[in-house]
Amino acid sequence: MLKRKWTGSGIVAAALALVLAGCGNGNHSGGAASSPSASPSFSPSASAPASERATAELQKIRYAPFNGVSGLAVRYGIEKGFFKDEGLEVELVSTQNPIEALTSKDVDIVDVATTNAIVAAGKGAPIKIVSSMFRTKGPFYLVAKTGIESVEDLKGKTVGAAALGSGLDVYTQTILNKHGLSKNDVTYLANGVNEAAYASLTSGQVDATIIHEPFASLAEIEGTGKILAKGWDYLPTFHTGVLASRKDFIDEHPDLVEKLLRAYFKSQEYAKSNLDEYKEFFLQNVKIDAGAVDKAFERENVLWENNPDVDLNALQDTQQVQVDLGFQDQVYEVKDLLDLRFIPKN
């Protein structure tokens, strides 16, 4: 596990990494959107220089955001000073297994796939879901190489499902099933996420792959692929991302949980409201065609809800999908897994 202290000065590259735990069971994603009217309004403003902020001693908190594009707005918010404004010194922890990092006490709060958090807490892990992430619907795309026009055309072809057993696998199988195919009708394999998934498509290793933005848009711009399906059209209530913390940390430091969530959503709101500025930060950290980023922001406008509330019905739906596909052995009582006292209010 690699630990990195982030004090709010300088930009640290957030590489688009192959992070199996972050993908869902793999459910992270990137992109930007205008906040829907129903979403909470946090009205952040650009932070003042550090020299003008309060000199009170900062409280330290260890936080593991998703790697790749899904964690960029948080890192941007740290650079803008929103966490310091809340009195927090954030130590960012990079981990491939957020639940293990929590339970081993290497980290205090994490971004994690909803399904991972539910199953772990349901089986007795001492953790609680404390908020939804900035979006909760799967920002995943089934992209096929040029010449393949429909999901039905994938029969007998090779399909990449990112990481088997992950949330991206759930979406891939669901899309296939709703078009009369199963994973047994294709050559089904794990091909990684982000850059790895895109490389597997462009190299011909796979005929189609499930993938995140901005790579879906990059495939369109470069003429290397076509979007056959958008994940949220097939699983509109499958909940993909939450923030979770340890019970003992919540009991001992409820103020830190509340402050981190407030700064988290301030960061998201500022990024959404200042897309040109955020795009510059994005492109400094993700070396990709700027046009692909523009398309990704526009396409995922509908997803970036920035709503911390946790929909209990969506958690039930999510678990049932998991059970139906054999990814989960039972449906857990979700109310026992939540502690939502700290989510920001309007």
Protein backbone atom coordinates (compact mmCIF):
# COMPACT_ATOMS: atom_id res chain seq x y z
CA MET A 1 0.00 0.00 0.00
CA LEU A 2 1.39 3.39 -1.01
CA LYS A 3 0.72 6.34 1.23
CA ARG A 4 1.00 9.91 0.02
CA LYS A 5 0.59 13.00 2.19
CA TRP A 6 -1.25 15.79 0.38
CA THR A 7 -0.97 19.21 1.93
CA GLY A 8 -2.68 21.22 -0.76
CA SER A 9 0.41 22.59 -2.54
CA GLY A 10 1.48 21.31 -5.91
CA ILE A 11 -0.24 18.91 -8.27
CA VAL A 12 0.38 15.20 -7.91
CA ALA A 13 -0.39 13.19 -11.03
CA ALA A 14 -3.42 10.97 -10.63
CA ALA A 15 -2.64 8.22 -13.11
CA LEU A 16 -5.43 6.23 -14.68
CA ALA A 17 -4.46 3.02 -12.95
CA LEU A 18 -5.69 -0.55 -13.06
CA VAL A 19 -7.40 -0.62 -9.70
CA LEU A 20 -9.60 -3.65 -9.33
CA ALA A 21 -11.06 -2.65 -6.00
CA GLY A 22 -11.70 0.87 -7.23
CA CYS A 23 -13.58 -0.39 -10.25
CA GLY A 24 -16.21 -1.84 -8.37
CA ASN A 25 -16.23 -4.35 -7.16
CA GLY A 26 -15.29 -1.89 -9.56
CA ASN A 27 -17.58 1.03 -9.71
CA HIS A 28 -15.61 4.22 -9.97
CA SER A 29 -15.72 6.67 -12.83
CA GLY A 30 -14.85 10.13 -14.07
CA GLY A 31 -16.56 13.05 -15.71
CA ALA A 32 -18.32 16.27 -14.90
CA ALA A 33 -21.81 17.62 -14.98
CA SER A 34 -24.03 20.52 -14.07
CA SER A 35 -25.74 19.92 -10.77
CA PRO A 36 -29.44 18.97 -11.07
CA SER A 37 -31.85 21.29 -9.32
CA ALA A 38 -32.74 18.52 -6.87
CA SER A 39 -29.17 18.17 -5.68
CA PRO A 40 -27.91 19.91 -2.56
CA SER A 41 -26.24 23.26 -3.17
CA PHE A 42 -23.00 23.76 -1.29
CA SER A 43 -22.09 27.09 -2.92
CA PRO A 44 -18.31 26.78 -2.58
CA SER A 45 -16.06 29.60 -3.67
CA ALA A 46 -12.42 29.61 -4.61
CA SER A 47 -10.34 29.34 -1.48
CA ALA A 48 -8.22 32.15 -0.14
CA PRO A 49 -4.43 31.85 -0.13
CA ALA A 50 -3.08 29.65 2.65
CA SER A 51 -1.56 32.67 4.37
CA GLU A 52 -5.02 34.18 4.79
CA ARG A 53 -6.64 31.07 6.28
CA ALA A 54 -7.07 30.47 9.96
CA THR A 55 -3.86 29.42 11.65
CA ALA A 56 -5.55 26.91 13.95
CA GLU A 57 -3.88 23.51 14.04
CA LEU A 58 -5.24 21.22 11.34
CA GLN A 59 -6.77 17.86 12.23
CA LYS A 60 -5.30 14.94 10.34
CA ILE A 61 -7.47 12.41 8.51
CA ARG A 62 -6.38 9.52 6.28
CA TYR A 63 -8.57 9.24 3.21
CA ALA A 64 -8.49 6.82 0.27
CA PRO A 65 -10.27 8.31 -2.75
CA PHE A 66 -10.74 6.24 -5.87
CA ASN A 67 -7.72 6.30 -8.13
CA GLY A 68 -8.06 7.43 -11.72
CA VAL A 69 -10.54 10.02 -12.92
CA SER A 70 -13.10 9.28 -10.21
CA GLY A 71 -10.93 10.83 -7.51
CA LEU A 72 -9.72 13.83 -9.47
CA ALA A 73 -12.31 16.37 -8.30
CA VAL A 74 -11.43 15.56 -4.68
CA ARG A 75 -7.73 16.05 -5.37
CA TYR A 76 -8.65 19.28 -7.11
CA GLY A 77 -10.59 20.35 -4.02
CA ILE A 78 -7.56 19.65 -1.85
CA GLU A 79 -5.49 21.87 -4.14
CA LYS A 80 -8.16 24.58 -3.92
CA GLY A 81 -8.03 24.45 -0.13
CA PHE A 82 -11.56 23.26 0.65
CA PHE A 83 -10.34 20.58 3.07
CA LYS A 84 -7.96 22.96 4.82
CA ASP A 85 -10.83 25.43 5.12
CA GLU A 86 -12.62 22.72 7.12
CA GLY A 87 -9.60 22.40 9.39
CA LEU A 88 -8.38 19.15 7.84
CA GLU A 89 -4.95 17.96 6.84
CA VAL A 90 -5.67 15.12 4.44
CA GLU A 91 -3.27 12.23 4.03
CA LEU A 92 -4.24 10.50 0.81
CA VAL A 93 -3.80 6.74 0.86
CA SER A 94 -3.72 4.77 -2.38
CA THR A 95 -5.08 1.27 -1.99
CA GLN A 96 -6.39 -1.53 -4.18
CA ASN A 97 -8.62 -2.80 -1.37
CA PRO A 98 -10.49 -0.01 0.45
CA ILE A 99 -12.29 -2.37 2.84
CA GLU A 100 -9.07 -4.04 3.94
CA ALA A 101 -7.44 -0.64 4.36
CA LEU A 102 -10.32 0.43 6.62
CA THR A 103 -10.46 -2.68 8.77
CA SER A 104 -6.66 -2.77 9.18
CA LYS A 105 -6.83 0.87 10.33
CA ASP A 106 -4.48 2.08 7.60
CA VAL A 107 -7.12 4.60 6.55
CA ASP A 108 -10.05 6.38 8.21
CA ILE A 109 -12.50 6.90 5.35
CA VAL A 110 -12.64 5.56 1.81
CA ASP A 111 -14.37 5.74 -1.53
CA VAL A 112 -15.61 2.23 -2.22
CA ALA A 113 -17.91 0.30 -4.51
CA THR A 114 -21.34 0.11 -2.94
CA THR A 115 -21.50 -3.66 -3.36
CA ASN A 116 -18.14 -4.15 -1.64
CA ALA A 117 -19.25 -2.06 1.32
CA ILE A 118 -22.61 -3.82 1.62
CA VAL A 119 -21.18 -7.33 1.50
CA ALA A 120 -18.33 -6.53 3.89
CA ALA A 121 -20.57 -4.81 6.43
CA GLY A 122 -23.25 -7.47 6.01
CA LYS A 123 -20.71 -10.13 6.89
CA GLY A 124 -19.65 -8.29 10.02
CA ALA A 125 -16.87 -5.92 9.01
CA PRO A 126 -16.86 -2.97 11.47
CA ILE A 127 -17.67 -0.35 8.85
CA LYS A 128 -20.55 1.96 7.99
CA ILE A 129 -21.63 3.66 4.78
CA VAL A 130 -21.70 7.38 5.57
CA SER A 131 -22.65 8.94 2.22
CA SER A 132 -23.15 8.35 -1.46
CA MET A 133 -20.33 9.48 -3.75
CA PHE A 134 -20.77 12.34 -6.21
CA ARG A 135 -22.61 9.96 -8.49
CA THR A 136 -24.20 6.60 -8.00
CA LYS A 137 -25.06 5.28 -11.48
CA GLY A 138 -22.59 3.19 -13.45
CA PRO A 139 -20.64 5.40 -15.86
CA PHE A 140 -19.64 2.44 -17.98
CA TYR A 141 -19.85 1.95 -21.73
CA LEU A 142 -19.73 -1.15 -23.90
CA VAL A 143 -17.51 -0.09 -26.78
CA ALA A 144 -16.91 -2.28 -29.83
CA LYS A 145 -14.33 -2.01 -32.57
CA THR A 146 -15.32 -0.41 -35.85
CA GLY A 147 -17.58 -2.62 -37.93
CA ILE A 148 -19.57 -4.07 -35.04
CA GLU A 149 -22.92 -2.29 -35.04
CA SER A 150 -24.93 -3.93 -32.27
CA VAL A 151 -24.65 -5.94 -29.07
CA GLU A 152 -26.17 -8.91 -30.94
CA ASP A 153 -23.19 -8.80 -33.33
CA LEU A 154 -20.91 -9.78 -30.44
CA LYS A 155 -22.00 -13.41 -30.53
CA GLY A 156 -18.88 -15.50 -31.04
CA LYS A 157 -16.64 -12.47 -30.47
CA THR A 158 -14.23 -11.62 -27.63
CA VAL A 159 -15.57 -9.30 -24.95
CA GLY A 160 -13.56 -7.67 -22.18
CA ALA A 161 -15.32 -7.35 -18.81
CA ALA A 162 -12.58 -5.44 -16.95
CA ALA A 163 -12.23 -7.51 -13.75
CA LEU A 164 -14.30 -10.64 -13.32
CA GLY A 165 -16.59 -10.43 -10.33
CA SER A 166 -16.52 -6.64 -10.41
CA GLY A 167 -19.24 -4.08 -10.95
CA LEU A 168 -18.11 -3.68 -14.55
CA ASP A 169 -18.64 -7.42 -14.97
CA VAL A 170 -22.20 -6.96 -13.66
CA TYR A 171 -22.89 -4.31 -16.28
CA THR A 172 -21.29 -6.30 -19.10
CA GLN A 173 -23.31 -9.43 -18.35
CA THR A 174 -26.52 -7.42 -17.93
CA ILE A 175 -26.09 -5.69 -21.29
CA LEU A 176 -25.39 -9.02 -23.01
CA ASN A 177 -28.36 -10.69 -21.30
CA LYS A 178 -30.78 -7.97 -22.34
CA HIS A 179 -29.77 -8.54 -25.95
CA GLY A 180 -30.31 -12.29 -25.82
CA LEU A 181 -26.69 -13.25 -25.13
CA SER A 182 -24.81 -14.60 -22.15
CA LYS A 183 -21.13 -14.62 -21.33
CA ASN A 184 -21.08 -18.18 -22.69
CA ASP A 185 -21.99 -16.87 -26.14
CA VAL A 186 -18.75 -14.89 -26.32
CA THR A 187 -15.14 -15.33 -25.32
CA TYR A 188 -15.34 -13.53 -22.00
CA LEU A 189 -12.17 -12.29 -20.32
CA ALA A 190 -10.69 -9.87 -17.82
CA ASN A 191 -8.85 -7.12 -19.68
CA GLY A 192 -8.35 -4.41 -17.07
CA VAL A 193 -9.75 -0.90 -16.89
CA ASN A 194 -9.10 2.52 -18.37
CA GLU A 195 -5.88 2.56 -20.42
CA ALA A 196 -5.48 -1.22 -20.26
CA ALA A 197 -9.02 -1.80 -21.52
CA TYR A 198 -8.61 0.75 -24.29
CA ALA A 199 -5.31 -0.78 -25.38
CA SER A 200 -6.91 -4.23 -25.52
CA LEU A 201 -9.53 -2.82 -27.91
CA THR A 202 -7.17 -0.93 -30.19
CA SER A 203 -4.70 -3.84 -30.33
CA GLY A 204 -7.41 -6.31 -31.32
CA GLN A 205 -7.15 -8.39 -28.17
CA VAL A 206 -10.89 -7.89 -27.71
CA ASP A 207 -13.69 -7.04 -30.10
CA ALA A 208 -15.53 -5.06 -27.44
CA THR A 209 -14.93 -3.93 -23.90
CA ILE A 210 -16.67 -2.30 -20.97
CA ILE A 211 -14.86 0.96 -20.26
CA HIS A 212 -14.99 4.34 -18.51
CA GLU A 213 -14.83 7.84 -19.87
CA PRO A 214 -12.86 9.56 -21.27
CA PHE A 215 -11.87 6.43 -23.20
CA ALA A 216 -15.32 5.87 -24.69
CA SER A 217 -15.16 9.36 -26.19
CA LEU A 218 -11.54 8.85 -27.23
CA ALA A 219 -12.59 5.76 -29.19
CA GLU A 220 -15.16 7.86 -31.06
CA ILE A 221 -12.71 10.69 -31.75
CA GLU A 222 -9.94 8.37 -32.93
CA GLY A 223 -12.33 6.19 -34.92
CA THR A 224 -11.24 3.05 -33.07
CA GLY A 225 -14.60 2.12 -31.62
CA LYS A 226 -18.32 2.68 -31.29
CA ILE A 227 -20.43 2.90 -28.15
CA LEU A 228 -22.98 0.07 -28.25
CA ALA A 229 -24.51 0.62 -24.83
CA LYS A 230 -24.43 2.97 -21.83
CA GLY A 231 -24.50 1.12 -18.54
CA TRP A 232 -27.01 3.29 -16.70
CA ASP A 233 -29.61 2.67 -19.41
CA TYR A 234 -29.58 -1.01 -18.42
CA LEU A 235 -29.18 -0.73 -14.64
CA PRO A 236 -30.63 2.67 -13.70
CA THR A 237 -30.90 1.85 -9.97
CA PHE A 238 -27.68 -0.12 -9.51
CA HIS A 239 -25.81 1.91 -6.86
CA THR A 240 -22.10 2.14 -7.63
CA GLY A 241 -20.26 4.31 -5.11
CA VAL A 242 -20.25 5.31 -1.44
CA LEU A 243 -17.98 6.72 1.22
CA ALA A 244 -17.44 4.44 4.19
CA SER A 245 -15.67 4.67 7.53
CA ARG A 246 -14.82 2.46 10.51
CA LYS A 247 -17.24 2.33 13.42
CA ASP A 248 -14.56 3.18 15.98
CA PHE A 249 -13.36 6.16 13.94
CA ILE A 250 -16.94 7.42 13.57
CA ASP A 251 -17.49 7.07 17.33
CA GLU A 252 -14.23 8.79 18.25
CA HIS A 253 -14.10 11.47 15.53
CA PRO A 254 -17.60 12.26 14.25
CA ASP A 255 -16.53 15.85 13.59
CA LEU A 256 -13.83 14.71 11.15
CA VAL A 257 -16.27 12.58 9.19
CA GLU A 258 -18.65 15.52 8.90
CA LYS A 259 -15.89 17.92 7.85
CA LEU A 260 -14.50 15.56 5.22
CA LEU A 261 -17.91 14.99 3.66
CA ARG A 262 -18.57 18.72 3.58
CA ALA A 263 -15.23 19.39 1.85
CA TYR A 264 -15.77 16.43 -0.51
CA PHE A 265 -19.03 17.84 -1.85
CA LYS A 266 -17.70 21.40 -1.94
CA SER A 267 -14.92 20.08 -4.17
CA GLN A 268 -17.37 18.33 -6.48
CA GLU A 269 -19.66 21.35 -6.69
CA TYR A 270 -16.80 23.71 -7.46
CA ALA A 271 -15.45 21.44 -10.19
CA LYS A 272 -18.88 21.18 -11.81
CA SER A 273 -19.47 24.91 -11.62
CA ASN A 274 -16.04 25.80 -13.02
CA LEU A 275 -15.57 23.26 -15.79
CA ASP A 276 -13.04 25.24 -17.81
CA GLU A 277 -10.81 25.62 -14.76
CA TYR A 278 -11.33 22.01 -13.71
CA LYS A 279 -10.59 20.80 -17.25
CA GLU A 280 -7.12 22.36 -17.03
CA PHE A 281 -6.44 20.41 -13.84
CA PHE A 282 -7.92 17.26 -15.40
CA LEU A 283 -5.66 17.48 -18.45
CA GLN A 284 -2.59 18.09 -16.31
CA ASN A 285 -3.27 14.78 -14.62
CA VAL A 286 -4.76 12.75 -17.46
CA LYS A 287 -2.76 12.92 -20.68
CA ILE A 288 -5.52 12.53 -23.23
CA ASP A 289 -7.11 14.39 -26.13
CA ALA A 290 -8.86 17.50 -24.82
CA GLY A 291 -11.75 16.90 -27.20
CA ALA A 292 -12.40 13.53 -25.56
CA VAL A 293 -12.62 15.23 -22.18
CA ASP A 294 -15.14 17.74 -23.52
CA LYS A 295 -17.30 14.92 -24.92
CA ALA A 296 -17.00 12.96 -21.67
CA PHE A 297 -18.06 15.95 -19.56
CA GLU A 298 -21.06 16.56 -21.79
CA ARG A 299 -22.13 12.92 -21.97
CA GLU A 300 -21.90 12.39 -18.22
CA ASN A 301 -23.68 15.61 -17.32
CA VAL A 302 -26.69 13.49 -16.42
CA LEU A 303 -24.71 11.38 -13.95
CA TRP A 304 -22.94 13.92 -11.77
CA GLU A 305 -25.76 14.46 -9.29
CA ASN A 306 -23.59 15.45 -6.34
CA ASN A 307 -26.22 14.17 -3.94
CA PRO A 308 -24.92 12.63 -0.70
CA ASP A 309 -28.22 10.93 0.16
CA VAL A 310 -28.32 7.12 0.00
CA ASP A 311 -31.39 5.64 -1.70
CA LEU A 312 -32.41 2.55 0.28
CA ASN A 313 -34.50 1.20 -2.60
CA ALA A 314 -31.50 1.45 -4.91
CA LEU A 315 -29.41 -0.52 -2.41
CA GLN A 316 -32.06 -3.24 -2.40
CA ASP A 317 -32.18 -3.30 -6.23
CA THR A 318 -28.39 -3.43 -6.37
CA GLN A 319 -28.21 -6.42 -4.07
CA GLN A 320 -30.90 -8.29 -5.98
CA VAL A 321 -28.96 -7.88 -9.23
CA GLN A 322 -25.87 -9.20 -7.45
CA VAL A 323 -27.78 -12.21 -6.14
CA ASP A 324 -29.35 -12.94 -9.53
CA LEU A 325 -25.91 -13.03 -11.17
CA GLY A 326 -24.37 -15.09 -8.37
CA PHE A 327 -22.11 -12.26 -7.16
CA GLN A 328 -23.74 -12.13 -3.71
CA ASP A 329 -25.24 -14.95 -1.66
CA GLN A 330 -27.98 -12.99 0.12
CA VAL A 331 -29.66 -9.60 0.41
CA TYR A 332 -28.58 -7.78 3.58
CA GLU A 333 -30.67 -5.40 5.66
CA VAL A 334 -29.24 -2.11 4.47
CA LYS A 335 -30.47 0.06 7.34
CA ASP A 336 -28.04 -1.76 9.61
CA LEU A 337 -25.14 -0.81 7.35
CA LEU A 338 -25.67 2.96 7.26
CA ASP A 339 -24.76 5.95 9.40
CA LEU A 340 -25.96 9.02 7.51
CA ARG A 341 -25.79 11.59 10.30
CA PHE A 342 -22.93 13.46 8.69
CA ILE A 343 -24.07 14.10 5.13
CA PRO A 344 -24.07 17.81 4.22
CA LYS A 345 -27.40 19.58 4.42
CA ASN A 346 -28.68 22.33 2.15
